[in-house]
Amino acid sequence: MYTYFTIEDVNVETALEAVDVKVLGDELLSSASEPKLRKRNLSISDETSIAVSRRKKIPIVTGDSDLAYDAKRMGVTVIW
């Protein structure tokens, strides 16, 4: 059997980084060229996913357009 995912513990440092991701991510979305993205905000799971991906230097697998938009602009590789 193959394992494709792991569960990550979120420590204080990652939680604080997620807060920074939230602020920057919402700013990026509000200035996006696509009108539908300008109305969006990152969820707590989106911001935490980006923070963990940056910290671990791993890609994000998502079909979520606002998550993908912000992740790419923050240097995270997005698959899908």
N, C-alpha and C. Protein backbone atom coordinates (compact mmCIF):
# COMPACT_ATOMS: atom_id res chain seq x y z
N MET A 1 0.83 -1.17 0.00
CA MET A 1 0.00 0.00 0.00
C MET A 1 0.89 1.24 0.00
N TYR A 2 0.51 2.24 -0.79
CA TYR A 2 1.27 3.48 -0.88
C TYR A 2 0.67 4.55 0.01
N THR A 3 1.52 5.38 0.56
CA THR A 3 1.07 6.53 1.33
C THR A 3 1.39 7.78 0.53
N TYR A 4 0.38 8.55 0.23
CA TYR A 4 0.55 9.76 -0.56
C TYR A 4 0.51 11.02 0.28
N PHE A 5 -0.07 10.95 1.44
CA PHE A 5 -0.25 12.13 2.27
C PHE A 5 0.22 11.85 3.69
N THR A 6 0.63 12.90 4.37
CA THR A 6 0.95 12.79 5.79
C THR A 6 0.18 13.88 6.53
N ILE A 7 -0.01 13.64 7.79
CA ILE A 7 -0.65 14.65 8.64
C ILE A 7 0.46 15.44 9.31
N GLU A 8 0.37 16.75 9.21
CA GLU A 8 1.38 17.63 9.79
C GLU A 8 0.85 18.29 11.05
N ASP A 9 1.66 18.29 12.08
CA ASP A 9 1.32 19.06 13.27
C ASP A 9 1.59 20.53 12.96
N VAL A 10 0.70 21.40 13.37
CA VAL A 10 0.88 22.83 13.18
C VAL A 10 1.38 23.41 14.49
N ASN A 11 2.64 23.86 14.47
CA ASN A 11 3.21 24.46 15.67
C ASN A 11 2.98 25.97 15.65
N VAL A 12 3.43 26.65 16.67
CA VAL A 12 3.21 28.09 16.79
C VAL A 12 3.83 28.84 15.63
N GLU A 13 5.03 28.46 15.22
CA GLU A 13 5.70 29.15 14.12
C GLU A 13 4.92 29.04 12.82
N THR A 14 4.40 27.87 12.54
CA THR A 14 3.60 27.67 11.32
C THR A 14 2.29 28.45 11.41
N ALA A 15 1.68 28.47 12.58
CA ALA A 15 0.44 29.23 12.76
C ALA A 15 0.68 30.71 12.55
N LEU A 16 1.79 31.23 13.05
CA LEU A 16 2.11 32.65 12.85
C LEU A 16 2.42 32.94 11.39
N GLU A 17 3.10 32.02 10.72
CA GLU A 17 3.36 32.19 9.30
C GLU A 17 2.04 32.18 8.51
N ALA A 18 1.09 31.35 8.92
CA ALA A 18 -0.21 31.29 8.26
C ALA A 18 -0.94 32.63 8.37
N VAL A 19 -0.76 33.33 9.49
CA VAL A 19 -1.37 34.65 9.64
C VAL A 19 -0.78 35.61 8.61
N ASP A 20 0.55 35.58 8.44
CA ASP A 20 1.19 36.43 7.43
C ASP A 20 0.72 36.07 6.03
N VAL A 21 0.56 34.77 5.77
CA VAL A 21 0.05 34.31 4.48
C VAL A 21 -1.36 34.84 4.24
N LYS A 22 -2.19 34.84 5.27
CA LYS A 22 -3.56 35.33 5.16
C LYS A 22 -3.58 36.80 4.74
N VAL A 23 -2.77 37.62 5.39
CA VAL A 23 -2.74 39.05 5.09
C VAL A 23 -2.26 39.27 3.65
N LEU A 24 -1.13 38.67 3.29
CA LEU A 24 -0.60 38.83 1.94
C LEU A 24 -1.55 38.23 0.90
N GLY A 25 -2.08 37.05 1.19
CA GLY A 25 -2.96 36.36 0.25
C GLY A 25 -4.22 37.15 -0.06
N ASP A 26 -4.82 37.72 0.97
CA ASP A 26 -6.02 38.53 0.74
C ASP A 26 -5.70 39.80 -0.05
N GLU A 27 -4.52 40.38 0.18
CA GLU A 27 -4.10 41.54 -0.61
C GLU A 27 -3.91 41.15 -2.08
N LEU A 28 -3.27 40.00 -2.31
CA LEU A 28 -3.06 39.53 -3.68
C LEU A 28 -4.39 39.29 -4.38
N LEU A 29 -5.32 38.66 -3.68
CA LEU A 29 -6.62 38.38 -4.28
C LEU A 29 -7.38 39.67 -4.59
N SER A 30 -7.33 40.63 -3.69
CA SER A 30 -8.08 41.87 -3.90
C SER A 30 -7.57 42.69 -5.08
N SER A 31 -6.32 42.43 -5.49
CA SER A 31 -5.76 43.16 -6.63
C SER A 31 -5.61 42.28 -7.87
N ALA A 32 -6.23 41.10 -7.86
CA ALA A 32 -6.14 40.17 -9.00
C ALA A 32 -6.81 40.76 -10.24
N SER A 33 -6.34 40.35 -11.40
CA SER A 33 -6.93 40.84 -12.65
C SER A 33 -8.30 40.21 -12.92
N GLU A 34 -8.53 39.01 -12.39
CA GLU A 34 -9.83 38.35 -12.58
C GLU A 34 -10.83 38.86 -11.55
N PRO A 35 -11.95 39.42 -11.99
CA PRO A 35 -12.94 39.97 -11.05
C PRO A 35 -13.44 38.96 -10.01
N LYS A 36 -13.61 37.69 -10.40
CA LYS A 36 -14.13 36.72 -9.43
C LYS A 36 -13.15 36.47 -8.29
N LEU A 37 -11.84 36.58 -8.55
CA LEU A 37 -10.86 36.39 -7.49
C LEU A 37 -10.83 37.57 -6.53
N ARG A 38 -11.13 38.76 -7.02
CA ARG A 38 -11.09 39.96 -6.17
C ARG A 38 -12.13 39.92 -5.06
N LYS A 39 -13.14 39.08 -5.20
CA LYS A 39 -14.19 38.96 -4.19
C LYS A 39 -13.90 37.86 -3.18
N ARG A 40 -12.80 37.16 -3.35
CA ARG A 40 -12.49 35.99 -2.53
C ARG A 40 -11.51 36.34 -1.40
N ASN A 41 -11.46 35.49 -0.39
CA ASN A 41 -10.50 35.57 0.71
C ASN A 41 -9.99 34.17 0.99
N LEU A 42 -8.77 34.08 1.51
CA LEU A 42 -8.23 32.77 1.86
C LEU A 42 -8.90 32.26 3.14
N SER A 43 -9.18 30.97 3.14
CA SER A 43 -9.72 30.33 4.34
C SER A 43 -8.56 29.95 5.26
N ILE A 44 -8.88 29.56 6.47
CA ILE A 44 -7.83 29.14 7.41
C ILE A 44 -7.09 27.90 6.89
N SER A 45 -7.81 27.00 6.23
CA SER A 45 -7.14 25.81 5.69
C SER A 45 -6.24 26.18 4.50
N ASP A 46 -6.66 27.14 3.68
CA ASP A 46 -5.83 27.60 2.56
C ASP A 46 -4.54 28.23 3.06
N GLU A 47 -4.66 29.15 4.01
CA GLU A 47 -3.48 29.85 4.49
C GLU A 47 -2.52 28.90 5.20
N THR A 48 -3.07 27.93 5.93
CA THR A 48 -2.23 26.94 6.61
C THR A 48 -1.55 26.03 5.60
N SER A 49 -2.26 25.65 4.53
CA SER A 49 -1.67 24.81 3.48
C SER A 49 -0.48 25.51 2.83
N ILE A 50 -0.63 26.79 2.54
CA ILE A 50 0.47 27.54 1.94
C ILE A 50 1.64 27.64 2.91
N ALA A 51 1.36 27.93 4.17
CA ALA A 51 2.43 28.06 5.17
C ALA A 51 3.20 26.75 5.32
N VAL A 52 2.49 25.63 5.41
CA VAL A 52 3.16 24.32 5.55
C VAL A 52 3.95 24.00 4.27
N SER A 53 3.38 24.28 3.11
CA SER A 53 4.07 24.00 1.85
C SER A 53 5.35 24.81 1.73
N ARG A 54 5.31 26.06 2.13
CA ARG A 54 6.52 26.90 2.09
C ARG A 54 7.57 26.39 3.06
N ARG A 55 7.12 26.03 4.25
CA ARG A 55 8.06 25.57 5.28
C ARG A 55 8.71 24.24 4.89
N LYS A 56 7.92 23.33 4.32
CA LYS A 56 8.41 22.00 3.95
C LYS A 56 9.00 21.95 2.53
N LYS A 57 8.78 23.05 1.76
CA LYS A 57 9.24 23.10 0.36
C LYS A 57 8.62 21.97 -0.47
N ILE A 58 7.29 21.85 -0.33
CA ILE A 58 6.54 20.82 -1.06
C ILE A 58 5.41 21.48 -1.85
N PRO A 59 4.96 20.86 -2.93
CA PRO A 59 3.86 21.44 -3.73
C PRO A 59 2.51 21.25 -3.06
N ILE A 60 1.55 22.02 -3.55
CA ILE A 60 0.16 21.88 -3.13
C ILE A 60 -0.61 21.26 -4.29
N VAL A 61 -1.46 20.29 -3.98
CA VAL A 61 -2.33 19.69 -4.98
C VAL A 61 -3.73 20.26 -4.73
N THR A 62 -4.23 21.07 -5.68
CA THR A 62 -5.54 21.70 -5.49
C THR A 62 -6.19 22.08 -6.80
N GLY A 63 -7.49 22.12 -6.79
CA GLY A 63 -8.26 22.66 -7.90
C GLY A 63 -8.93 23.97 -7.50
N ASP A 64 -8.63 24.45 -6.31
CA ASP A 64 -9.19 25.68 -5.75
C ASP A 64 -8.48 26.88 -6.38
N SER A 65 -9.22 27.69 -7.12
CA SER A 65 -8.60 28.77 -7.90
C SER A 65 -7.95 29.85 -7.04
N ASP A 66 -8.57 30.23 -5.93
CA ASP A 66 -7.95 31.28 -5.12
C ASP A 66 -6.74 30.76 -4.36
N LEU A 67 -6.78 29.53 -3.90
CA LEU A 67 -5.62 28.93 -3.25
C LEU A 67 -4.47 28.82 -4.25
N ALA A 68 -4.75 28.32 -5.44
CA ALA A 68 -3.71 28.17 -6.46
C ALA A 68 -3.12 29.53 -6.85
N TYR A 69 -3.97 30.53 -7.01
CA TYR A 69 -3.53 31.88 -7.39
C TYR A 69 -2.53 32.42 -6.37
N ASP A 70 -2.90 32.38 -5.10
CA ASP A 70 -2.02 32.92 -4.06
C ASP A 70 -0.77 32.06 -3.88
N ALA A 71 -0.93 30.75 -3.87
CA ALA A 71 0.23 29.87 -3.67
C ALA A 71 1.29 30.11 -4.73
N LYS A 72 0.89 30.20 -5.97
CA LYS A 72 1.85 30.43 -7.05
C LYS A 72 2.59 31.76 -6.85
N ARG A 73 1.87 32.78 -6.43
CA ARG A 73 2.47 34.09 -6.23
C ARG A 73 3.37 34.15 -5.00
N MET A 74 3.24 33.15 -4.14
CA MET A 74 4.09 33.07 -2.95
C MET A 74 5.20 32.04 -3.13
N GLY A 75 5.39 31.58 -4.37
CA GLY A 75 6.51 30.69 -4.66
C GLY A 75 6.26 29.22 -4.41
N VAL A 76 5.00 28.83 -4.24
CA VAL A 76 4.67 27.42 -4.01
C VAL A 76 4.25 26.79 -5.33
N THR A 77 4.79 25.64 -5.64
CA THR A 77 4.39 24.90 -6.83
C THR A 77 2.99 24.33 -6.62
N VAL A 78 2.13 24.51 -7.64
CA VAL A 78 0.76 24.00 -7.55
C VAL A 78 0.59 22.93 -8.61
N ILE A 79 0.06 21.79 -8.20
CA ILE A 79 -0.22 20.68 -9.09
C ILE A 79 -1.73 20.58 -9.25
N TRP A 80 -2.17 20.58 -10.50
CA TRP A 80 -3.55 20.38 -10.92
C TRP A 80 -4.11 21.61 -11.40
